[in-house]
Amino acid sequence: YLQMNNLKPEDTAVYYCAARAGVSL
């Protein structure tokens, strides 16, 4: 999930989720 509060006009975008296999973030 991505909880987005106090949204601003500059937050306007297409949001993508992604998955990563690996050791680190």
PDBML (XML) file of the C-alpha atoms, coordinates in Angstrom:
<?xml version="1.0" encoding="UTF-8" ?>
<PDBx:datablock datablockName="MODEL"
   xmlns:PDBx="http://pdbml.pdb.org/schema/pdbx-v50.xsd"
   xmlns:xsi="http://www.w3.org/2001/XMLSchema-instance"
   xsi:schemaLocation="http://pdbml.pdb.org/schema/pdbx-v50.xsd pdbx-v50.xsd">
   <PDBx:atom_siteCategory>
      <PDBx:atom_site id="1">
         <PDBx:B_iso_or_equiv>0.00</PDBx:B_iso_or_equiv>
         <PDBx:Cartn_x>0.000</PDBx:Cartn_x>
         <PDBx:Cartn_y>0.000</PDBx:Cartn_y>
         <PDBx:Cartn_z>0.000</PDBx:Cartn_z>
         <PDBx:auth_asym_id>A</PDBx:auth_asym_id>
         <PDBx:auth_atom_id>CA</PDBx:auth_atom_id>
         <PDBx:auth_comp_id>TYR</PDBx:auth_comp_id>
         <PDBx:auth_seq_id>1</PDBx:auth_seq_id>
         <PDBx:group_PDB>ATOM</PDBx:group_PDB>
         <PDBx:label_alt_id xsi:nil="true" />
         <PDBx:label_asym_id>A</PDBx:label_asym_id>
         <PDBx:label_atom_id>CA</PDBx:label_atom_id>
         <PDBx:label_comp_id>TYR</PDBx:label_comp_id>
         <PDBx:label_entity_id>1</PDBx:label_entity_id>
         <PDBx:label_seq_id>1</PDBx:label_seq_id>
         <PDBx:occupancy>1.00</PDBx:occupancy>
         <PDBx:pdbx_PDB_model_num>1</PDBx:pdbx_PDB_model_num>
         <PDBx:type_symbol>C</PDBx:type_symbol>
      </PDBx:atom_site>
      <PDBx:atom_site id="2">
         <PDBx:B_iso_or_equiv>0.00</PDBx:B_iso_or_equiv>
         <PDBx:Cartn_x>0.895</PDBx:Cartn_x>
         <PDBx:Cartn_y>3.631</PDBx:Cartn_y>
         <PDBx:Cartn_z>-0.356</PDBx:Cartn_z>
         <PDBx:auth_asym_id>A</PDBx:auth_asym_id>
         <PDBx:auth_atom_id>CA</PDBx:auth_atom_id>
         <PDBx:auth_comp_id>LEU</PDBx:auth_comp_id>
         <PDBx:auth_seq_id>2</PDBx:auth_seq_id>
         <PDBx:group_PDB>ATOM</PDBx:group_PDB>
         <PDBx:label_alt_id xsi:nil="true" />
         <PDBx:label_asym_id>A</PDBx:label_asym_id>
         <PDBx:label_atom_id>CA</PDBx:label_atom_id>
         <PDBx:label_comp_id>LEU</PDBx:label_comp_id>
         <PDBx:label_entity_id>1</PDBx:label_entity_id>
         <PDBx:label_seq_id>2</PDBx:label_seq_id>
         <PDBx:occupancy>1.00</PDBx:occupancy>
         <PDBx:pdbx_PDB_model_num>1</PDBx:pdbx_PDB_model_num>
         <PDBx:type_symbol>C</PDBx:type_symbol>
      </PDBx:atom_site>
      <PDBx:atom_site id="3">
         <PDBx:B_iso_or_equiv>0.00</PDBx:B_iso_or_equiv>
         <PDBx:Cartn_x>-1.058</PDBx:Cartn_x>
         <PDBx:Cartn_y>5.929</PDBx:Cartn_y>
         <PDBx:Cartn_z>1.935</PDBx:Cartn_z>
         <PDBx:auth_asym_id>A</PDBx:auth_asym_id>
         <PDBx:auth_atom_id>CA</PDBx:auth_atom_id>
         <PDBx:auth_comp_id>GLN</PDBx:auth_comp_id>
         <PDBx:auth_seq_id>3</PDBx:auth_seq_id>
         <PDBx:group_PDB>ATOM</PDBx:group_PDB>
         <PDBx:label_alt_id xsi:nil="true" />
         <PDBx:label_asym_id>A</PDBx:label_asym_id>
         <PDBx:label_atom_id>CA</PDBx:label_atom_id>
         <PDBx:label_comp_id>GLN</PDBx:label_comp_id>
         <PDBx:label_entity_id>1</PDBx:label_entity_id>
         <PDBx:label_seq_id>3</PDBx:label_seq_id>
         <PDBx:occupancy>1.00</PDBx:occupancy>
         <PDBx:pdbx_PDB_model_num>1</PDBx:pdbx_PDB_model_num>
         <PDBx:type_symbol>C</PDBx:type_symbol>
      </PDBx:atom_site>
      <PDBx:atom_site id="4">
         <PDBx:B_iso_or_equiv>0.00</PDBx:B_iso_or_equiv>
         <PDBx:Cartn_x>-0.816</PDBx:Cartn_x>
         <PDBx:Cartn_y>9.468</PDBx:Cartn_y>
         <PDBx:Cartn_z>0.597</PDBx:Cartn_z>
         <PDBx:auth_asym_id>A</PDBx:auth_asym_id>
         <PDBx:auth_atom_id>CA</PDBx:auth_atom_id>
         <PDBx:auth_comp_id>MET</PDBx:auth_comp_id>
         <PDBx:auth_seq_id>4</PDBx:auth_seq_id>
         <PDBx:group_PDB>ATOM</PDBx:group_PDB>
         <PDBx:label_alt_id xsi:nil="true" />
         <PDBx:label_asym_id>A</PDBx:label_asym_id>
         <PDBx:label_atom_id>CA</PDBx:label_atom_id>
         <PDBx:label_comp_id>MET</PDBx:label_comp_id>
         <PDBx:label_entity_id>1</PDBx:label_entity_id>
         <PDBx:label_seq_id>4</PDBx:label_seq_id>
         <PDBx:occupancy>1.00</PDBx:occupancy>
         <PDBx:pdbx_PDB_model_num>1</PDBx:pdbx_PDB_model_num>
         <PDBx:type_symbol>C</PDBx:type_symbol>
      </PDBx:atom_site>
      <PDBx:atom_site id="5">
         <PDBx:B_iso_or_equiv>0.00</PDBx:B_iso_or_equiv>
         <PDBx:Cartn_x>-1.851</PDBx:Cartn_x>
         <PDBx:Cartn_y>12.341</PDBx:Cartn_y>
         <PDBx:Cartn_z>2.845</PDBx:Cartn_z>
         <PDBx:auth_asym_id>A</PDBx:auth_asym_id>
         <PDBx:auth_atom_id>CA</PDBx:auth_atom_id>
         <PDBx:auth_comp_id>ASN</PDBx:auth_comp_id>
         <PDBx:auth_seq_id>5</PDBx:auth_seq_id>
         <PDBx:group_PDB>ATOM</PDBx:group_PDB>
         <PDBx:label_alt_id xsi:nil="true" />
         <PDBx:label_asym_id>A</PDBx:label_asym_id>
         <PDBx:label_atom_id>CA</PDBx:label_atom_id>
         <PDBx:label_comp_id>ASN</PDBx:label_comp_id>
         <PDBx:label_entity_id>1</PDBx:label_entity_id>
         <PDBx:label_seq_id>5</PDBx:label_seq_id>
         <PDBx:occupancy>1.00</PDBx:occupancy>
         <PDBx:pdbx_PDB_model_num>1</PDBx:pdbx_PDB_model_num>
         <PDBx:type_symbol>C</PDBx:type_symbol>
      </PDBx:atom_site>
      <PDBx:atom_site id="6">
         <PDBx:B_iso_or_equiv>0.00</PDBx:B_iso_or_equiv>
         <PDBx:Cartn_x>-1.831</PDBx:Cartn_x>
         <PDBx:Cartn_y>16.089</PDBx:Cartn_y>
         <PDBx:Cartn_z>2.319</PDBx:Cartn_z>
         <PDBx:auth_asym_id>A</PDBx:auth_asym_id>
         <PDBx:auth_atom_id>CA</PDBx:auth_atom_id>
         <PDBx:auth_comp_id>ASN</PDBx:auth_comp_id>
         <PDBx:auth_seq_id>6</PDBx:auth_seq_id>
         <PDBx:group_PDB>ATOM</PDBx:group_PDB>
         <PDBx:label_alt_id xsi:nil="true" />
         <PDBx:label_asym_id>A</PDBx:label_asym_id>
         <PDBx:label_atom_id>CA</PDBx:label_atom_id>
         <PDBx:label_comp_id>ASN</PDBx:label_comp_id>
         <PDBx:label_entity_id>1</PDBx:label_entity_id>
         <PDBx:label_seq_id>6</PDBx:label_seq_id>
         <PDBx:occupancy>1.00</PDBx:occupancy>
         <PDBx:pdbx_PDB_model_num>1</PDBx:pdbx_PDB_model_num>
         <PDBx:type_symbol>C</PDBx:type_symbol>
      </PDBx:atom_site>
      <PDBx:atom_site id="7">
         <PDBx:B_iso_or_equiv>0.00</PDBx:B_iso_or_equiv>
         <PDBx:Cartn_x>-1.602</PDBx:Cartn_x>
         <PDBx:Cartn_y>15.644</PDBx:Cartn_y>
         <PDBx:Cartn_z>-1.416</PDBx:Cartn_z>
         <PDBx:auth_asym_id>A</PDBx:auth_asym_id>
         <PDBx:auth_atom_id>CA</PDBx:auth_atom_id>
         <PDBx:auth_comp_id>LEU</PDBx:auth_comp_id>
         <PDBx:auth_seq_id>7</PDBx:auth_seq_id>
         <PDBx:group_PDB>ATOM</PDBx:group_PDB>
         <PDBx:label_alt_id xsi:nil="true" />
         <PDBx:label_asym_id>A</PDBx:label_asym_id>
         <PDBx:label_atom_id>CA</PDBx:label_atom_id>
         <PDBx:label_comp_id>LEU</PDBx:label_comp_id>
         <PDBx:label_entity_id>1</PDBx:label_entity_id>
         <PDBx:label_seq_id>7</PDBx:label_seq_id>
         <PDBx:occupancy>1.00</PDBx:occupancy>
         <PDBx:pdbx_PDB_model_num>1</PDBx:pdbx_PDB_model_num>
         <PDBx:type_symbol>C</PDBx:type_symbol>
      </PDBx:atom_site>
      <PDBx:atom_site id="8">
         <PDBx:B_iso_or_equiv>0.00</PDBx:B_iso_or_equiv>
         <PDBx:Cartn_x>-0.218</PDBx:Cartn_x>
         <PDBx:Cartn_y>18.479</PDBx:Cartn_y>
         <PDBx:Cartn_z>-3.503</PDBx:Cartn_z>
         <PDBx:auth_asym_id>A</PDBx:auth_asym_id>
         <PDBx:auth_atom_id>CA</PDBx:auth_atom_id>
         <PDBx:auth_comp_id>LYS</PDBx:auth_comp_id>
         <PDBx:auth_seq_id>8</PDBx:auth_seq_id>
         <PDBx:group_PDB>ATOM</PDBx:group_PDB>
         <PDBx:label_alt_id xsi:nil="true" />
         <PDBx:label_asym_id>A</PDBx:label_asym_id>
         <PDBx:label_atom_id>CA</PDBx:label_atom_id>
         <PDBx:label_comp_id>LYS</PDBx:label_comp_id>
         <PDBx:label_entity_id>1</PDBx:label_entity_id>
         <PDBx:label_seq_id>8</PDBx:label_seq_id>
         <PDBx:occupancy>1.00</PDBx:occupancy>
         <PDBx:pdbx_PDB_model_num>1</PDBx:pdbx_PDB_model_num>
         <PDBx:type_symbol>C</PDBx:type_symbol>
      </PDBx:atom_site>
      <PDBx:atom_site id="9">
         <PDBx:B_iso_or_equiv>0.00</PDBx:B_iso_or_equiv>
         <PDBx:Cartn_x>-0.683</PDBx:Cartn_x>
         <PDBx:Cartn_y>19.313</PDBx:Cartn_y>
         <PDBx:Cartn_z>-7.197</PDBx:Cartn_z>
         <PDBx:auth_asym_id>A</PDBx:auth_asym_id>
         <PDBx:auth_atom_id>CA</PDBx:auth_atom_id>
         <PDBx:auth_comp_id>PRO</PDBx:auth_comp_id>
         <PDBx:auth_seq_id>9</PDBx:auth_seq_id>
         <PDBx:group_PDB>ATOM</PDBx:group_PDB>
         <PDBx:label_alt_id xsi:nil="true" />
         <PDBx:label_asym_id>A</PDBx:label_asym_id>
         <PDBx:label_atom_id>CA</PDBx:label_atom_id>
         <PDBx:label_comp_id>PRO</PDBx:label_comp_id>
         <PDBx:label_entity_id>1</PDBx:label_entity_id>
         <PDBx:label_seq_id>9</PDBx:label_seq_id>
         <PDBx:occupancy>1.00</PDBx:occupancy>
         <PDBx:pdbx_PDB_model_num>1</PDBx:pdbx_PDB_model_num>
         <PDBx:type_symbol>C</PDBx:type_symbol>
      </PDBx:atom_site>
      <PDBx:atom_site id="10">
         <PDBx:B_iso_or_equiv>0.00</PDBx:B_iso_or_equiv>
         <PDBx:Cartn_x>2.958</PDBx:Cartn_x>
         <PDBx:Cartn_y>18.328</PDBx:Cartn_y>
         <PDBx:Cartn_z>-7.777</PDBx:Cartn_z>
         <PDBx:auth_asym_id>A</PDBx:auth_asym_id>
         <PDBx:auth_atom_id>CA</PDBx:auth_atom_id>
         <PDBx:auth_comp_id>GLU</PDBx:auth_comp_id>
         <PDBx:auth_seq_id>10</PDBx:auth_seq_id>
         <PDBx:group_PDB>ATOM</PDBx:group_PDB>
         <PDBx:label_alt_id xsi:nil="true" />
         <PDBx:label_asym_id>A</PDBx:label_asym_id>
         <PDBx:label_atom_id>CA</PDBx:label_atom_id>
         <PDBx:label_comp_id>GLU</PDBx:label_comp_id>
         <PDBx:label_entity_id>1</PDBx:label_entity_id>
         <PDBx:label_seq_id>10</PDBx:label_seq_id>
         <PDBx:occupancy>1.00</PDBx:occupancy>
         <PDBx:pdbx_PDB_model_num>1</PDBx:pdbx_PDB_model_num>
         <PDBx:type_symbol>C</PDBx:type_symbol>
      </PDBx:atom_site>
      <PDBx:atom_site id="11">
         <PDBx:B_iso_or_equiv>0.00</PDBx:B_iso_or_equiv>
         <PDBx:Cartn_x>2.065</PDBx:Cartn_x>
         <PDBx:Cartn_y>14.786</PDBx:Cartn_y>
         <PDBx:Cartn_z>-6.690</PDBx:Cartn_z>
         <PDBx:auth_asym_id>A</PDBx:auth_asym_id>
         <PDBx:auth_atom_id>CA</PDBx:auth_atom_id>
         <PDBx:auth_comp_id>ASP</PDBx:auth_comp_id>
         <PDBx:auth_seq_id>11</PDBx:auth_seq_id>
         <PDBx:group_PDB>ATOM</PDBx:group_PDB>
         <PDBx:label_alt_id xsi:nil="true" />
         <PDBx:label_asym_id>A</PDBx:label_asym_id>
         <PDBx:label_atom_id>CA</PDBx:label_atom_id>
         <PDBx:label_comp_id>ASP</PDBx:label_comp_id>
         <PDBx:label_entity_id>1</PDBx:label_entity_id>
         <PDBx:label_seq_id>11</PDBx:label_seq_id>
         <PDBx:occupancy>1.00</PDBx:occupancy>
         <PDBx:pdbx_PDB_model_num>1</PDBx:pdbx_PDB_model_num>
         <PDBx:type_symbol>C</PDBx:type_symbol>
      </PDBx:atom_site>
      <PDBx:atom_site id="12">
         <PDBx:B_iso_or_equiv>0.00</PDBx:B_iso_or_equiv>
         <PDBx:Cartn_x>0.053</PDBx:Cartn_x>
         <PDBx:Cartn_y>14.410</PDBx:Cartn_y>
         <PDBx:Cartn_z>-9.900</PDBx:Cartn_z>
         <PDBx:auth_asym_id>A</PDBx:auth_asym_id>
         <PDBx:auth_atom_id>CA</PDBx:auth_atom_id>
         <PDBx:auth_comp_id>THR</PDBx:auth_comp_id>
         <PDBx:auth_seq_id>12</PDBx:auth_seq_id>
         <PDBx:group_PDB>ATOM</PDBx:group_PDB>
         <PDBx:label_alt_id xsi:nil="true" />
         <PDBx:label_asym_id>A</PDBx:label_asym_id>
         <PDBx:label_atom_id>CA</PDBx:label_atom_id>
         <PDBx:label_comp_id>THR</PDBx:label_comp_id>
         <PDBx:label_entity_id>1</PDBx:label_entity_id>
         <PDBx:label_seq_id>12</PDBx:label_seq_id>
         <PDBx:occupancy>1.00</PDBx:occupancy>
         <PDBx:pdbx_PDB_model_num>1</PDBx:pdbx_PDB_model_num>
         <PDBx:type_symbol>C</PDBx:type_symbol>
      </PDBx:atom_site>
      <PDBx:atom_site id="13">
         <PDBx:B_iso_or_equiv>0.00</PDBx:B_iso_or_equiv>
         <PDBx:Cartn_x>1.489</PDBx:Cartn_x>
         <PDBx:Cartn_y>11.440</PDBx:Cartn_y>
         <PDBx:Cartn_z>-11.802</PDBx:Cartn_z>
         <PDBx:auth_asym_id>A</PDBx:auth_asym_id>
         <PDBx:auth_atom_id>CA</PDBx:auth_atom_id>
         <PDBx:auth_comp_id>ALA</PDBx:auth_comp_id>
         <PDBx:auth_seq_id>13</PDBx:auth_seq_id>
         <PDBx:group_PDB>ATOM</PDBx:group_PDB>
         <PDBx:label_alt_id xsi:nil="true" />
         <PDBx:label_asym_id>A</PDBx:label_asym_id>
         <PDBx:label_atom_id>CA</PDBx:label_atom_id>
         <PDBx:label_comp_id>ALA</PDBx:label_comp_id>
         <PDBx:label_entity_id>1</PDBx:label_entity_id>
         <PDBx:label_seq_id>13</PDBx:label_seq_id>
         <PDBx:occupancy>1.00</PDBx:occupancy>
         <PDBx:pdbx_PDB_model_num>1</PDBx:pdbx_PDB_model_num>
         <PDBx:type_symbol>C</PDBx:type_symbol>
      </PDBx:atom_site>
      <PDBx:atom_site id="14">
         <PDBx:B_iso_or_equiv>0.00</PDBx:B_iso_or_equiv>
         <PDBx:Cartn_x>0.976</PDBx:Cartn_x>
         <PDBx:Cartn_y>7.859</PDBx:Cartn_y>
         <PDBx:Cartn_z>-12.818</PDBx:Cartn_z>
         <PDBx:auth_asym_id>A</PDBx:auth_asym_id>
         <PDBx:auth_atom_id>CA</PDBx:auth_atom_id>
         <PDBx:auth_comp_id>VAL</PDBx:auth_comp_id>
         <PDBx:auth_seq_id>14</PDBx:auth_seq_id>
         <PDBx:group_PDB>ATOM</PDBx:group_PDB>
         <PDBx:label_alt_id xsi:nil="true" />
         <PDBx:label_asym_id>A</PDBx:label_asym_id>
         <PDBx:label_atom_id>CA</PDBx:label_atom_id>
         <PDBx:label_comp_id>VAL</PDBx:label_comp_id>
         <PDBx:label_entity_id>1</PDBx:label_entity_id>
         <PDBx:label_seq_id>14</PDBx:label_seq_id>
         <PDBx:occupancy>1.00</PDBx:occupancy>
         <PDBx:pdbx_PDB_model_num>1</PDBx:pdbx_PDB_model_num>
         <PDBx:type_symbol>C</PDBx:type_symbol>
      </PDBx:atom_site>
      <PDBx:atom_site id="15">
         <PDBx:B_iso_or_equiv>0.00</PDBx:B_iso_or_equiv>
         <PDBx:Cartn_x>2.010</PDBx:Cartn_x>
         <PDBx:Cartn_y>5.748</PDBx:Cartn_y>
         <PDBx:Cartn_z>-9.854</PDBx:Cartn_z>
         <PDBx:auth_asym_id>A</PDBx:auth_asym_id>
         <PDBx:auth_atom_id>CA</PDBx:auth_atom_id>
         <PDBx:auth_comp_id>TYR</PDBx:auth_comp_id>
         <PDBx:auth_seq_id>15</PDBx:auth_seq_id>
         <PDBx:group_PDB>ATOM</PDBx:group_PDB>
         <PDBx:label_alt_id xsi:nil="true" />
         <PDBx:label_asym_id>A</PDBx:label_asym_id>
         <PDBx:label_atom_id>CA</PDBx:label_atom_id>
         <PDBx:label_comp_id>TYR</PDBx:label_comp_id>
         <PDBx:label_entity_id>1</PDBx:label_entity_id>
         <PDBx:label_seq_id>15</PDBx:label_seq_id>
         <PDBx:occupancy>1.00</PDBx:occupancy>
         <PDBx:pdbx_PDB_model_num>1</PDBx:pdbx_PDB_model_num>
         <PDBx:type_symbol>C</PDBx:type_symbol>
      </PDBx:atom_site>
      <PDBx:atom_site id="16">
         <PDBx:B_iso_or_equiv>0.00</PDBx:B_iso_or_equiv>
         <PDBx:Cartn_x>3.639</PDBx:Cartn_x>
         <PDBx:Cartn_y>2.368</PDBx:Cartn_y>
         <PDBx:Cartn_z>-10.383</PDBx:Cartn_z>
         <PDBx:auth_asym_id>A</PDBx:auth_asym_id>
         <PDBx:auth_atom_id>CA</PDBx:auth_atom_id>
         <PDBx:auth_comp_id>TYR</PDBx:auth_comp_id>
         <PDBx:auth_seq_id>16</PDBx:auth_seq_id>
         <PDBx:group_PDB>ATOM</PDBx:group_PDB>
         <PDBx:label_alt_id xsi:nil="true" />
         <PDBx:label_asym_id>A</PDBx:label_asym_id>
         <PDBx:label_atom_id>CA</PDBx:label_atom_id>
         <PDBx:label_comp_id>TYR</PDBx:label_comp_id>
         <PDBx:label_entity_id>1</PDBx:label_entity_id>
         <PDBx:label_seq_id>16</PDBx:label_seq_id>
         <PDBx:occupancy>1.00</PDBx:occupancy>
         <PDBx:pdbx_PDB_model_num>1</PDBx:pdbx_PDB_model_num>
         <PDBx:type_symbol>C</PDBx:type_symbol>
      </PDBx:atom_site>
      <PDBx:atom_site id="17">
         <PDBx:B_iso_or_equiv>0.00</PDBx:B_iso_or_equiv>
         <PDBx:Cartn_x>4.328</PDBx:Cartn_x>
         <PDBx:Cartn_y>-0.389</PDBx:Cartn_y>
         <PDBx:Cartn_z>-7.928</PDBx:Cartn_z>
         <PDBx:auth_asym_id>A</PDBx:auth_asym_id>
         <PDBx:auth_atom_id>CA</PDBx:auth_atom_id>
         <PDBx:auth_comp_id>CYS</PDBx:auth_comp_id>
         <PDBx:auth_seq_id>17</PDBx:auth_seq_id>
         <PDBx:group_PDB>ATOM</PDBx:group_PDB>
         <PDBx:label_alt_id xsi:nil="true" />
         <PDBx:label_asym_id>A</PDBx:label_asym_id>
         <PDBx:label_atom_id>CA</PDBx:label_atom_id>
         <PDBx:label_comp_id>CYS</PDBx:label_comp_id>
         <PDBx:label_entity_id>1</PDBx:label_entity_id>
         <PDBx:label_seq_id>17</PDBx:label_seq_id>
         <PDBx:occupancy>1.00</PDBx:occupancy>
         <PDBx:pdbx_PDB_model_num>1</PDBx:pdbx_PDB_model_num>
         <PDBx:type_symbol>C</PDBx:type_symbol>
      </PDBx:atom_site>
      <PDBx:atom_site id="18">
         <PDBx:B_iso_or_equiv>0.00</PDBx:B_iso_or_equiv>
         <PDBx:Cartn_x>7.315</PDBx:Cartn_x>
         <PDBx:Cartn_y>-2.641</PDBx:Cartn_y>
         <PDBx:Cartn_z>-8.423</PDBx:Cartn_z>
         <PDBx:auth_asym_id>A</PDBx:auth_asym_id>
         <PDBx:auth_atom_id>CA</PDBx:auth_atom_id>
         <PDBx:auth_comp_id>ALA</PDBx:auth_comp_id>
         <PDBx:auth_seq_id>18</PDBx:auth_seq_id>
         <PDBx:group_PDB>ATOM</PDBx:group_PDB>
         <PDBx:label_alt_id xsi:nil="true" />
         <PDBx:label_asym_id>A</PDBx:label_asym_id>
         <PDBx:label_atom_id>CA</PDBx:label_atom_id>
         <PDBx:label_comp_id>ALA</PDBx:label_comp_id>
         <PDBx:label_entity_id>1</PDBx:label_entity_id>
         <PDBx:label_seq_id>18</PDBx:label_seq_id>
         <PDBx:occupancy>1.00</PDBx:occupancy>
         <PDBx:pdbx_PDB_model_num>1</PDBx:pdbx_PDB_model_num>
         <PDBx:type_symbol>C</PDBx:type_symbol>
      </PDBx:atom_site>
      <PDBx:atom_site id="19">
         <PDBx:B_iso_or_equiv>0.00</PDBx:B_iso_or_equiv>
         <PDBx:Cartn_x>8.901</PDBx:Cartn_x>
         <PDBx:Cartn_y>-5.715</PDBx:Cartn_y>
         <PDBx:Cartn_z>-6.895</PDBx:Cartn_z>
         <PDBx:auth_asym_id>A</PDBx:auth_asym_id>
         <PDBx:auth_atom_id>CA</PDBx:auth_atom_id>
         <PDBx:auth_comp_id>ALA</PDBx:auth_comp_id>
         <PDBx:auth_seq_id>19</PDBx:auth_seq_id>
         <PDBx:group_PDB>ATOM</PDBx:group_PDB>
         <PDBx:label_alt_id xsi:nil="true" />
         <PDBx:label_asym_id>A</PDBx:label_asym_id>
         <PDBx:label_atom_id>CA</PDBx:label_atom_id>
         <PDBx:label_comp_id>ALA</PDBx:label_comp_id>
         <PDBx:label_entity_id>1</PDBx:label_entity_id>
         <PDBx:label_seq_id>19</PDBx:label_seq_id>
         <PDBx:occupancy>1.00</PDBx:occupancy>
         <PDBx:pdbx_PDB_model_num>1</PDBx:pdbx_PDB_model_num>
         <PDBx:type_symbol>C</PDBx:type_symbol>
      </PDBx:atom_site>
      <PDBx:atom_site id="20">
         <PDBx:B_iso_or_equiv>0.00</PDBx:B_iso_or_equiv>
         <PDBx:Cartn_x>12.580</PDBx:Cartn_x>
         <PDBx:Cartn_y>-6.339</PDBx:Cartn_y>
         <PDBx:Cartn_z>-6.382</PDBx:Cartn_z>
         <PDBx:auth_asym_id>A</PDBx:auth_asym_id>
         <PDBx:auth_atom_id>CA</PDBx:auth_atom_id>
         <PDBx:auth_comp_id>ARG</PDBx:auth_comp_id>
         <PDBx:auth_seq_id>20</PDBx:auth_seq_id>
         <PDBx:group_PDB>ATOM</PDBx:group_PDB>
         <PDBx:label_alt_id xsi:nil="true" />
         <PDBx:label_asym_id>A</PDBx:label_asym_id>
         <PDBx:label_atom_id>CA</PDBx:label_atom_id>
         <PDBx:label_comp_id>ARG</PDBx:label_comp_id>
         <PDBx:label_entity_id>1</PDBx:label_entity_id>
         <PDBx:label_seq_id>20</PDBx:label_seq_id>
         <PDBx:occupancy>1.00</PDBx:occupancy>
         <PDBx:pdbx_PDB_model_num>1</PDBx:pdbx_PDB_model_num>
         <PDBx:type_symbol>C</PDBx:type_symbol>
      </PDBx:atom_site>
      <PDBx:atom_site id="21">
         <PDBx:B_iso_or_equiv>0.00</PDBx:B_iso_or_equiv>
         <PDBx:Cartn_x>14.359</PDBx:Cartn_x>
         <PDBx:Cartn_y>-9.597</PDBx:Cartn_y>
         <PDBx:Cartn_z>-5.694</PDBx:Cartn_z>
         <PDBx:auth_asym_id>A</PDBx:auth_asym_id>
         <PDBx:auth_atom_id>CA</PDBx:auth_atom_id>
         <PDBx:auth_comp_id>ALA</PDBx:auth_comp_id>
         <PDBx:auth_seq_id>21</PDBx:auth_seq_id>
         <PDBx:group_PDB>ATOM</PDBx:group_PDB>
         <PDBx:label_alt_id xsi:nil="true" />
         <PDBx:label_asym_id>A</PDBx:label_asym_id>
         <PDBx:label_atom_id>CA</PDBx:label_atom_id>
         <PDBx:label_comp_id>ALA</PDBx:label_comp_id>
         <PDBx:label_entity_id>1</PDBx:label_entity_id>
         <PDBx:label_seq_id>21</PDBx:label_seq_id>
         <PDBx:occupancy>1.00</PDBx:occupancy>
         <PDBx:pdbx_PDB_model_num>1</PDBx:pdbx_PDB_model_num>
         <PDBx:type_symbol>C</PDBx:type_symbol>
      </PDBx:atom_site>
      <PDBx:atom_site id="22">
         <PDBx:B_iso_or_equiv>0.00</PDBx:B_iso_or_equiv>
         <PDBx:Cartn_x>17.629</PDBx:Cartn_x>
         <PDBx:Cartn_y>-8.959</PDBx:Cartn_y>
         <PDBx:Cartn_z>-3.966</PDBx:Cartn_z>
         <PDBx:auth_asym_id>A</PDBx:auth_asym_id>
         <PDBx:auth_atom_id>CA</PDBx:auth_atom_id>
         <PDBx:auth_comp_id>GLY</PDBx:auth_comp_id>
         <PDBx:auth_seq_id>22</PDBx:auth_seq_id>
         <PDBx:group_PDB>ATOM</PDBx:group_PDB>
         <PDBx:label_alt_id xsi:nil="true" />
         <PDBx:label_asym_id>A</PDBx:label_asym_id>
         <PDBx:label_atom_id>CA</PDBx:label_atom_id>
         <PDBx:label_comp_id>GLY</PDBx:label_comp_id>
         <PDBx:label_entity_id>1</PDBx:label_entity_id>
         <PDBx:label_seq_id>22</PDBx:label_seq_id>
         <PDBx:occupancy>1.00</PDBx:occupancy>
         <PDBx:pdbx_PDB_model_num>1</PDBx:pdbx_PDB_model_num>
         <PDBx:type_symbol>C</PDBx:type_symbol>
      </PDBx:atom_site>
      <PDBx:atom_site id="23">
         <PDBx:B_iso_or_equiv>0.00</PDBx:B_iso_or_equiv>
         <PDBx:Cartn_x>19.393</PDBx:Cartn_x>
         <PDBx:Cartn_y>-8.402</PDBx:Cartn_y>
         <PDBx:Cartn_z>-0.718</PDBx:Cartn_z>
         <PDBx:auth_asym_id>A</PDBx:auth_asym_id>
         <PDBx:auth_atom_id>CA</PDBx:auth_atom_id>
         <PDBx:auth_comp_id>VAL</PDBx:auth_comp_id>
         <PDBx:auth_seq_id>23</PDBx:auth_seq_id>
         <PDBx:group_PDB>ATOM</PDBx:group_PDB>
         <PDBx:label_alt_id xsi:nil="true" />
         <PDBx:label_asym_id>A</PDBx:label_asym_id>
         <PDBx:label_atom_id>CA</PDBx:label_atom_id>
         <PDBx:label_comp_id>VAL</PDBx:label_comp_id>
         <PDBx:label_entity_id>1</PDBx:label_entity_id>
         <PDBx:label_seq_id>23</PDBx:label_seq_id>
         <PDBx:occupancy>1.00</PDBx:occupancy>
         <PDBx:pdbx_PDB_model_num>1</PDBx:pdbx_PDB_model_num>
         <PDBx:type_symbol>C</PDBx:type_symbol>
      </PDBx:atom_site>
      <PDBx:atom_site id="24">
         <PDBx:B_iso_or_equiv>0.00</PDBx:B_iso_or_equiv>
         <PDBx:Cartn_x>18.926</PDBx:Cartn_x>
         <PDBx:Cartn_y>-4.688</PDBx:Cartn_y>
         <PDBx:Cartn_z>-0.274</PDBx:Cartn_z>
         <PDBx:auth_asym_id>A</PDBx:auth_asym_id>
         <PDBx:auth_atom_id>CA</PDBx:auth_atom_id>
         <PDBx:auth_comp_id>SER</PDBx:auth_comp_id>
         <PDBx:auth_seq_id>24</PDBx:auth_seq_id>
         <PDBx:group_PDB>ATOM</PDBx:group_PDB>
         <PDBx:label_alt_id xsi:nil="true" />
         <PDBx:label_asym_id>A</PDBx:label_asym_id>
         <PDBx:label_atom_id>CA</PDBx:label_atom_id>
         <PDBx:label_comp_id>SER</PDBx:label_comp_id>
         <PDBx:label_entity_id>1</PDBx:label_entity_id>
         <PDBx:label_seq_id>24</PDBx:label_seq_id>
         <PDBx:occupancy>1.00</PDBx:occupancy>
         <PDBx:pdbx_PDB_model_num>1</PDBx:pdbx_PDB_model_num>
         <PDBx:type_symbol>C</PDBx:type_symbol>
      </PDBx:atom_site>
      <PDBx:atom_site id="25">
         <PDBx:B_iso_or_equiv>0.00</PDBx:B_iso_or_equiv>
         <PDBx:Cartn_x>16.335</PDBx:Cartn_x>
         <PDBx:Cartn_y>-1.993</PDBx:Cartn_y>
         <PDBx:Cartn_z>-0.833</PDBx:Cartn_z>
         <PDBx:auth_asym_id>A</PDBx:auth_asym_id>
         <PDBx:auth_atom_id>CA</PDBx:auth_atom_id>
         <PDBx:auth_comp_id>LEU</PDBx:auth_comp_id>
         <PDBx:auth_seq_id>25</PDBx:auth_seq_id>
         <PDBx:group_PDB>ATOM</PDBx:group_PDB>
         <PDBx:label_alt_id xsi:nil="true" />
         <PDBx:label_asym_id>A</PDBx:label_asym_id>
         <PDBx:label_atom_id>CA</PDBx:label_atom_id>
         <PDBx:label_comp_id>LEU</PDBx:label_comp_id>
         <PDBx:label_entity_id>1</PDBx:label_entity_id>
         <PDBx:label_seq_id>25</PDBx:label_seq_id>
         <PDBx:occupancy>1.00</PDBx:occupancy>
         <PDBx:pdbx_PDB_model_num>1</PDBx:pdbx_PDB_model_num>
         <PDBx:type_symbol>C</PDBx:type_symbol>
      </PDBx:atom_site>
   </PDBx:atom_siteCategory>
</PDBx:datablock>
